[in-house]
Amino acid sequence: MSIPHRKKQPAQQPVKQVSASKKRRGWLGIPKWAWITLSLATVATISAGTGALLAVSMHSKPLLQSQLSPEESAIFSEDEPILASSSLRLPRLTRPVNILVLGVKVLTSDLDEAVEGAEDLGYHALVNSFEGLSDTMLLLRFNPRTGQLVVMSVPRDTRALVNGVLTKINEANLDGGPALTAESLSDLLGGVAIDRYVRINVQGVEKLIDALGGVTVNVPQDMKYQDDSQHLYINLKAGRQKLDGDQALQFLRFRYDDNGDIGRVQRQQTMMRAVIEQTLNPSTIARLPKILSVIQSHVDTNLSVEELVALVGYGSQTSRSDVQMLMLPGNFSNPEEFKLSYWLPNYARIDELVEQYFGLESAQVMEAASPSYLRVVIQDSTGDELAIQSLIDSLYDSGYRNVSIGYDLNEALPETRIVAQRGDRASALRLKRFLRVGEVRVESTGNLDSDITIQLGEDWLGEHGAAL
């Protein structure tokens, strides 16, 4: 079975080709910029060293931990400026920007050369390196024209062309680094241009969470796993809790449930939203020295610090409803057809999402689907059977005929979440108007087989008196 290169979409920027020799493949009442500027000034006043570091960093070259050849650099749109700046204000984005983010895990056993001091450990230790398989792959789109921050998760087992060979896309970083990964992903998405990349290894994730002071998330189930060969010990109890760096890494690396790697993608999105919502505030700015230290040690990127500041500033102004998280559309492979397990891309649906969220123009307004065609799954957090039945009856009377019950959530939600599992925001918004409760979330944290997942909260009880 062979799959040709994807046909380029006319609305996308063309991807520059690499030579054949290199084809190795406010939430507050004040403006957010005001408190960012004030906090930066405060930090600089308290610590002259920190102020000096910022002054130097703002004019630094890209934070490269590895060198790109001219051909590899040409894969990215490095010659096209993405921001404007002046001495009177912080740098800001001037156009939509697509950032490839890779999370990399490298063990001593993955390296050709021995690591000094590791030979006596007796296990496969983590190494501060970027030259391995990518465990996580995200494409972020910062779009100042629409005010959106779009995150597309690409499962590491996605079957794609990498250097002309059909394989798992996570091999691209091992074979050819960020340039080959960007080229392979762009081809998979029909020609979406990629402007910059960021690589972070697992030690960096752990240290970054610690530098941020931890992150509070809901652990959906007890997570327990032990791998002595890697000294990987996962032991988390279900429930909402604050995780430190080591615990956050356990949460992200756990994949031993019914959904395997796709379940891990969902947890990555849960963690990412929590980090965005909890850390873009003035108290985080005081942690800037620690954050910069982690970036300098555990991050490889062709972003300059000035560009990085502009992206963080943009993110701090983005409302929760404008943070939209997608997952590359696809399906699990049939074990009888393939020797390895793959996530098989659904190209028709990929093209739809690319047109809606990654086009050059403003975000496309897609028409809502007919209620009779939508697969709606209800996940209950209320424990009230009458509430669930009243919701089912209301949906059925309004033409939603494909409704089913999923697993119960392990935390009580004060507000119902209407999750556009497959990126269909228009249908989710229409459903919200009908229910008159809840918030719409474009993310892939709901039921995998649904178009819309309704995570039922207590606001439904108050609106309809189901529990009275």
Foldseek 3Di string as FASTA:
>chain_A
DDDDFFAADPLADFFDAFDPVQQLFPVPPDDLQVLVVVLLVVLCVVPVVVVVVVVVQLPDAALAPDDDDPRLLSRAPQVDDQWDDDPVGAIAGDAKAKEKEFEDWDWQVNDPDHDPPVVPPQATETDLDQQHFTQWIWIWIQGPVALFIEIETEQQQAFWQQSNDTGGLSCRCNRRRPSRSSVGVCSLLNGHRHHKYKYFYLVLQQLLCVLLVFWWFFQFAFAFDDDPRHRDTAGDHGGIDTDHSNNLSSQLPGQPDPVGRVLSVLSVVRRVLRCLVPRLDSVNSSSVVSNVVSCSRGMRMSDRVSNVVNVSVSSSPRDQQRHAYAYQDFDWDDVVVDVDIHGYGDNVLSNVCCQQPVGRDHGDDDAADFLCPFAEEEAEAPPQPLLVVVVVVLSVVVNNPRYYYDYHTPHADQFKEWEQQHQRQNNSVVVCVSLVTHDYHNHNNADVPGRIYIYDHCVSCVVPVSVD
